[in-house]
């Protein structure tokens, strides 16, 4: 069983031990109702799905991806749902599915695992997964694994410092990269510019004909490219795979990122759209579940 907890929706899927999906569904998060309500809705949905998609099968592993960094007693860096940061995520999952093997991951790291195991990063080492969605984050692959970091926060480039004057300031005291380079930030900038609610897709569409929108998109991609280039210089990846909601505008974003990488990186990496651009965290959760089963039973038993 795989679960992907997001700020607006929760995706749930069931797969067999070879990773073949046998059922899936999506429910609204209703974040304003709070952490416990969202979690309970997800668990009820998951149990219903198991009854319909895998009624006569044994559940051997549960894996959950979430925005923020999950622990047994909390979820760090997770303000999207009220109470999520203090919610006992791991303990509640174990209580919901007692005796079942459990894995947890940050959503972007789960997405990177999906791309590493079954997608655009297979055979690439080191590599980078770049998530351009409501928020901004990356994940680094090295040695055939997704790097967690000392505190689970490796690749959280949304916190990057943008200006020399901001050095020494906490994220609360400065404008972080995610504050200006993310789907949420882009929509807010467009709302201010156009005086009406404007979707990210509409901004990119307007950029083809309206100078104001073109300027917004150009500034957005230029700053994104600066930080992706610096990340590529630091990691020297074989490939960068890009996913998330903004990947729908890949035709506009890709040429500018490609040019920036070619100009500045000593050994420019491949740049590709993710194999699973819009549901990689859920697929990554399933991959984590398959890994948990393999650890318990052995790869040969799964075959």
Protein backbone atom coordinates (compact mmCIF):
# COMPACT_ATOMS: atom_id res chain seq x y z
CA UNK A 1 0.00 0.00 0.00
CA UNK A 2 1.34 3.42 -0.97
CA UNK A 3 0.06 6.78 0.27
CA UNK A 4 1.07 10.25 -0.87
CA UNK A 5 -0.03 13.03 1.48
CA UNK A 6 -0.24 16.41 -0.23
CA UNK A 7 -1.52 19.80 0.78
CA UNK A 8 -4.54 19.60 -1.55
CA UNK A 9 -4.95 15.88 -2.30
CA UNK A 10 -4.04 12.48 -0.91
CA UNK A 11 -3.28 9.73 -3.43
CA UNK A 12 -3.49 6.05 -2.49
CA UNK A 13 -2.50 2.97 -4.50
CA UNK A 14 -2.03 -0.77 -4.09
CA UNK A 15 0.48 -2.85 -6.00
CA UNK A 16 1.63 -6.45 -6.07
CA UNK A 17 5.13 -7.45 -4.98
CA UNK A 18 6.51 -6.86 -8.47
CA UNK A 19 5.33 -3.25 -8.39
CA UNK A 20 2.33 -3.72 -10.69
CA UNK A 21 -0.45 -1.36 -9.61
CA UNK A 22 -3.77 -3.08 -8.97
CA UNK A 23 -5.83 -0.14 -7.72
CA UNK A 24 -5.62 3.56 -6.93
CA UNK A 25 -7.73 6.52 -5.88
CA UNK A 26 -7.44 10.18 -4.84
CA UNK A 27 -9.27 12.16 -2.15
CA UNK A 28 -9.17 15.82 -1.19
CA UNK A 29 -6.98 16.69 1.80
CA UNK A 30 -9.30 19.39 3.23
CA UNK A 31 -6.26 20.85 4.98
CA UNK A 32 -8.28 23.41 6.91
CA UNK A 33 -9.86 20.57 8.92
CA UNK A 34 -6.46 19.77 10.42
CA UNK A 35 -3.92 16.97 10.55
CA UNK A 36 -5.97 14.27 12.30
CA UNK A 37 -8.91 14.71 9.96
CA UNK A 38 -6.74 14.48 6.85
CA UNK A 39 -4.92 11.42 8.15
CA UNK A 40 -8.12 9.62 9.14
CA UNK A 41 -9.64 10.31 5.71
CA UNK A 42 -6.54 8.82 4.05
CA UNK A 43 -6.60 5.69 6.19
CA UNK A 44 -10.32 5.12 5.59
CA UNK A 45 -9.75 5.54 1.84
CA UNK A 46 -6.81 3.13 1.94
CA UNK A 47 -8.82 0.45 3.75
CA UNK A 48 -11.66 0.78 1.25
CA UNK A 49 -9.19 0.44 -1.63
CA UNK A 50 -7.62 -2.66 -0.10
CA UNK A 51 -11.06 -4.23 0.18
CA UNK A 52 -11.88 -3.58 -3.46
CA UNK A 53 -8.48 -4.04 -5.14
CA UNK A 54 -6.83 -6.70 -2.97
CA UNK A 55 -9.58 -8.35 -0.95
CA UNK A 56 -8.05 -11.82 -0.95
CA UNK A 57 -4.41 -10.74 -0.60
CA UNK A 58 -2.26 -10.20 2.46
CA UNK A 59 -0.98 -6.68 3.10
CA UNK A 60 2.77 -7.00 3.75
CA UNK A 61 4.02 -3.42 3.56
CA UNK A 62 2.79 0.16 3.84
CA UNK A 63 4.80 3.15 2.61
CA UNK A 64 3.85 6.78 2.91
CA UNK A 65 5.24 9.91 1.27
CA UNK A 66 4.46 13.35 2.62
CA UNK A 67 5.44 16.97 2.18
CA UNK A 68 7.89 17.74 4.97
CA UNK A 69 10.25 15.27 6.64
CA UNK A 70 8.40 12.44 8.44
CA UNK A 71 9.39 10.97 11.78
CA UNK A 72 7.56 8.76 14.27
CA UNK A 73 6.45 11.71 16.40
CA UNK A 74 6.31 14.66 13.96
CA UNK A 75 6.75 15.94 10.41
CA UNK A 76 9.42 18.63 10.10
CA UNK A 77 9.11 21.55 7.64
CA UNK A 78 5.44 20.86 6.93
CA UNK A 79 3.17 23.90 7.36
CA UNK A 80 0.66 23.05 4.61
CA UNK A 81 -1.78 21.25 6.97
CA UNK A 82 -2.46 22.75 10.41
CA UNK A 83 -1.01 20.46 13.05
CA UNK A 84 0.97 18.31 10.59
CA UNK A 85 4.34 19.33 12.07
CA UNK A 86 3.39 17.94 15.50
CA UNK A 87 1.38 14.97 14.22
CA UNK A 88 2.84 11.58 15.28
CA UNK A 89 3.01 10.41 11.67
CA UNK A 90 4.94 7.16 12.04
CA UNK A 91 3.20 6.07 15.22
CA UNK A 92 -0.23 6.71 13.72
CA UNK A 93 0.62 4.73 10.59
CA UNK A 94 1.76 1.78 12.70
CA UNK A 95 -1.41 1.97 14.76
CA UNK A 96 -3.52 1.99 11.59
CA UNK A 97 -1.73 -1.04 10.11
CA UNK A 98 -0.35 -3.04 13.08
CA UNK A 99 2.27 -5.66 12.36
CA UNK A 100 2.83 -4.50 8.76
CA UNK A 101 6.25 -3.37 7.52
CA UNK A 102 6.37 0.42 7.28
CA UNK A 103 8.44 2.92 5.28
CA UNK A 104 8.18 6.73 5.21
CA UNK A 105 9.78 9.38 3.01
CA UNK A 106 9.62 13.01 2.02
CA UNK A 107 7.52 13.25 -1.14
CA UNK A 108 10.33 14.51 -3.38
CA UNK A 109 12.72 11.79 -2.20
CA UNK A 110 10.01 9.21 -2.85
CA UNK A 111 9.62 10.68 -6.34
CA UNK A 112 13.36 10.36 -6.91
CA UNK A 113 13.21 6.72 -5.83
CA UNK A 114 10.44 6.08 -8.36
CA UNK A 115 12.53 7.63 -11.13
CA UNK A 116 15.63 5.71 -9.98
CA UNK A 117 13.89 2.35 -9.80
CA UNK A 118 11.51 2.53 -12.76
CA UNK A 119 11.95 5.86 -14.54
CA UNK A 120 14.18 8.53 -16.03
CA UNK A 121 17.03 8.13 -13.52
CA UNK A 122 17.47 4.36 -13.91
CA UNK A 123 21.16 3.67 -14.43
CA UNK A 124 22.16 7.30 -13.76
CA UNK A 125 24.62 7.87 -10.92
CA UNK A 126 24.90 10.42 -9.51
CA UNK A 127 21.68 12.11 -10.54
CA UNK A 128 19.27 14.83 -9.46
CA UNK A 129 15.50 14.83 -9.30
CA UNK A 130 14.08 18.37 -9.45
CA UNK A 131 10.51 18.93 -8.31
CA UNK A 132 8.79 22.02 -9.72
CA UNK A 133 5.40 21.98 -8.07
CA UNK A 134 3.47 24.01 -5.55
CA UNK A 135 6.81 24.12 -3.72
CA UNK A 136 10.42 23.65 -4.82
CA UNK A 137 12.82 20.88 -3.82
CA UNK A 138 15.33 18.45 -5.23
CA UNK A 139 16.66 15.01 -4.38
CA UNK A 140 20.15 13.70 -4.98
CA UNK A 141 20.89 10.14 -6.08
CA UNK A 142 24.35 8.69 -5.39
CA UNK A 143 25.60 5.15 -5.01
CA UNK A 144 22.29 3.78 -6.21
CA UNK A 145 20.32 5.41 -3.40
CA UNK A 146 18.48 8.64 -2.69
CA UNK A 147 20.58 10.69 -0.27
CA UNK A 148 18.69 11.52 2.91
CA UNK A 149 21.15 13.82 4.69
CA UNK A 150 21.89 13.99 8.41
CA UNK A 151 18.37 15.24 9.19
CA UNK A 152 16.43 14.04 6.13
CA UNK A 153 16.74 17.47 4.48
CA UNK A 154 19.26 16.86 1.69
CA UNK A 155 18.22 18.65 -1.49
CA UNK A 156 15.81 21.11 0.15
CA UNK A 157 16.88 23.93 -2.18
CA UNK A 158 13.68 25.85 -1.49
CA UNK A 159 15.56 27.21 1.55
CA UNK A 160 18.49 28.45 -0.55
CA UNK A 161 19.90 31.92 0.18
CA UNK A 162 19.25 34.23 -2.79
CA UNK A 163 21.22 37.37 -1.96
CA UNK A 164 24.59 38.02 -0.25
CA UNK A 165 22.79 40.44 2.08
CA UNK A 166 20.70 37.51 3.36
CA UNK A 167 23.69 35.52 4.62
CA UNK A 168 23.34 35.02 8.37
CA UNK A 169 19.57 35.45 8.34
CA UNK A 170 17.09 32.68 9.20
CA UNK A 171 14.47 31.64 6.63
CA UNK A 172 11.90 33.66 8.55
CA UNK A 173 14.05 36.78 8.19
CA UNK A 174 14.59 36.60 4.43
CA UNK A 175 12.92 35.70 1.15
CA UNK A 176 13.80 32.08 0.42
CA UNK A 177 14.16 30.62 -3.04
CA UNK A 178 10.81 28.83 -2.73
CA UNK A 179 9.19 32.19 -1.95
CA UNK A 180 9.91 33.29 -5.53
CA UNK A 181 10.55 30.07 -7.50
CA UNK A 182 7.61 27.70 -7.03
CA UNK A 183 4.12 27.24 -8.38
CA UNK A 184 2.68 28.98 -5.34
CA UNK A 185 5.03 31.95 -5.73
CA UNK A 186 4.44 32.23 -9.46
CA UNK A 187 0.67 32.31 -8.99
CA UNK A 188 0.98 34.99 -6.29
CA UNK A 189 3.20 37.15 -8.51
CA UNK A 190 0.72 36.82 -11.38
CA UNK A 191 -2.23 37.69 -9.13
CA UNK A 192 -0.47 40.92 -8.16
CA UNK A 193 0.42 41.71 -11.76
CA UNK A 194 -2.93 40.94 -13.37
CA UNK A 195 -5.29 41.69 -10.48
CA UNK A 196 -7.15 38.40 -10.82
CA UNK A 197 -6.65 34.76 -9.92
CA UNK A 198 -4.37 33.33 -12.60
CA UNK A 199 -3.27 29.71 -12.84
CA UNK A 200 0.33 28.77 -13.49
CA UNK A 201 -0.64 27.23 -16.83
CA UNK A 202 -2.31 30.50 -17.82
CA UNK A 203 0.81 32.47 -16.93
CA UNK A 204 2.94 30.38 -19.26
CA UNK A 205 0.28 30.64 -21.98
CA UNK A 206 0.07 34.43 -21.59
CA UNK A 207 3.85 34.64 -21.85
CA UNK A 208 3.56 33.84 -25.56
CA UNK A 209 1.63 37.05 -26.26
CA UNK A 210 1.75 39.39 -23.26
CA UNK A 211 5.00 41.18 -22.30
CA UNK A 212 4.13 41.34 -18.58
CA UNK A 213 3.61 37.57 -18.39
CA UNK A 214 6.73 36.96 -20.49
CA UNK A 215 8.77 39.01 -18.02
CA UNK A 216 7.38 37.05 -15.05
CA UNK A 217 8.20 33.72 -16.68
CA UNK A 218 11.65 34.88 -17.75
CA UNK A 219 12.56 36.09 -14.25
CA UNK A 220 11.21 32.86 -12.78
CA UNK A 221 13.22 30.59 -15.08
CA UNK A 222 16.39 32.69 -14.79
CA UNK A 223 16.48 32.42 -11.00
CA UNK A 224 15.56 28.74 -11.12
CA UNK A 225 18.36 28.13 -13.63
CA UNK A 226 20.92 29.89 -11.42
CA UNK A 227 20.30 27.49 -8.55
CA UNK A 228 20.00 24.39 -10.73
CA UNK A 229 23.32 25.25 -12.35
CA UNK A 230 25.01 25.63 -8.96
CA UNK A 231 23.51 22.33 -7.79
CA UNK A 232 24.76 20.60 -10.95
CA UNK A 233 28.26 22.04 -10.43
CA UNK A 234 28.29 20.70 -6.86
CA UNK A 235 26.98 17.21 -7.65
CA UNK A 236 28.25 16.60 -11.23
CA UNK A 237 25.18 14.50 -12.09
CA UNK A 238 24.81 12.26 -15.11
CA UNK A 239 21.20 13.40 -15.49
CA UNK A 240 18.66 15.82 -14.04
CA UNK A 241 15.04 14.67 -14.24
CA UNK A 242 12.28 17.22 -13.71
CA UNK A 243 8.77 16.54 -12.41
CA UNK A 244 5.92 18.30 -10.63
CA UNK A 245 2.99 20.37 -11.79
CA UNK A 246 5.12 22.96 -13.59
CA UNK A 247 6.45 20.18 -15.81
CA UNK A 248 3.31 20.81 -17.85
CA UNK A 249 5.18 23.87 -19.13
CA UNK A 250 8.29 21.83 -19.92
CA UNK A 251 8.42 23.06 -23.52
CA UNK A 252 9.07 26.58 -22.22
CA UNK A 253 11.28 25.70 -19.24
CA UNK A 254 13.52 23.04 -20.79
CA UNK A 255 15.34 25.12 -23.46
CA UNK A 256 16.32 27.80 -20.95
CA UNK A 257 17.54 25.27 -18.38
CA UNK A 258 19.43 23.42 -21.11
CA UNK A 259 21.17 26.60 -22.27
CA UNK A 260 22.08 27.59 -18.70
CA UNK A 261 23.56 24.16 -17.93
CA UNK A 262 25.53 24.06 -21.18
CA UNK A 263 26.97 27.52 -20.58
CA UNK A 264 28.06 27.21 -16.97
CA UNK A 265 28.53 23.57 -15.87
CA UNK A 266 31.98 22.08 -16.63
CA UNK A 267 30.40 18.76 -17.64
CA UNK A 268 26.75 19.52 -18.50
CA UNK A 269 24.38 16.70 -17.48
CA UNK A 270 21.52 15.23 -19.46
CA UNK A 271 18.25 17.02 -18.79
CA UNK A 272 14.99 15.09 -19.06
CA UNK A 273 11.34 15.21 -18.18
CA UNK A 274 10.60 12.69 -15.44
CA UNK A 275 9.05 9.40 -16.47
CA UNK A 276 6.34 10.03 -13.86
CA UNK A 277 6.11 13.83 -13.85
CA UNK A 278 2.87 14.18 -11.91
CA UNK A 279 2.51 11.16 -9.59
CA UNK A 280 6.08 10.14 -8.83
CA UNK A 281 5.70 10.50 -5.03
CA UNK A 282 2.91 7.92 -5.03
CA UNK A 283 4.89 5.60 -7.29
CA UNK A 284 7.89 6.15 -5.02
CA UNK A 285 5.79 5.14 -2.03
CA UNK A 286 4.92 1.93 -3.82
CA UNK A 287 8.62 1.40 -4.55
CA UNK A 288 9.39 1.84 -0.86
CA UNK A 289 6.75 -0.75 -0.06
CA UNK A 290 8.24 -3.20 -2.54
CA UNK A 291 11.68 -2.60 -0.99
CA UNK A 292 10.27 -3.26 2.48
CA UNK A 293 8.79 -6.55 1.28
CA UNK A 294 12.07 -7.49 -0.41
CA UNK A 295 13.96 -6.81 2.82
CA UNK A 296 11.60 -9.10 4.66
CA UNK A 297 11.25 -11.95 2.18
CA UNK A 298 14.25 -11.57 -0.12
CA UNK A 299 14.26 -10.68 -3.80
CA UNK A 300 14.07 -14.34 -4.85
CA UNK A 301 10.89 -14.90 -2.85
CA UNK A 302 9.24 -11.93 -4.56
CA UNK A 303 9.99 -13.38 -7.97
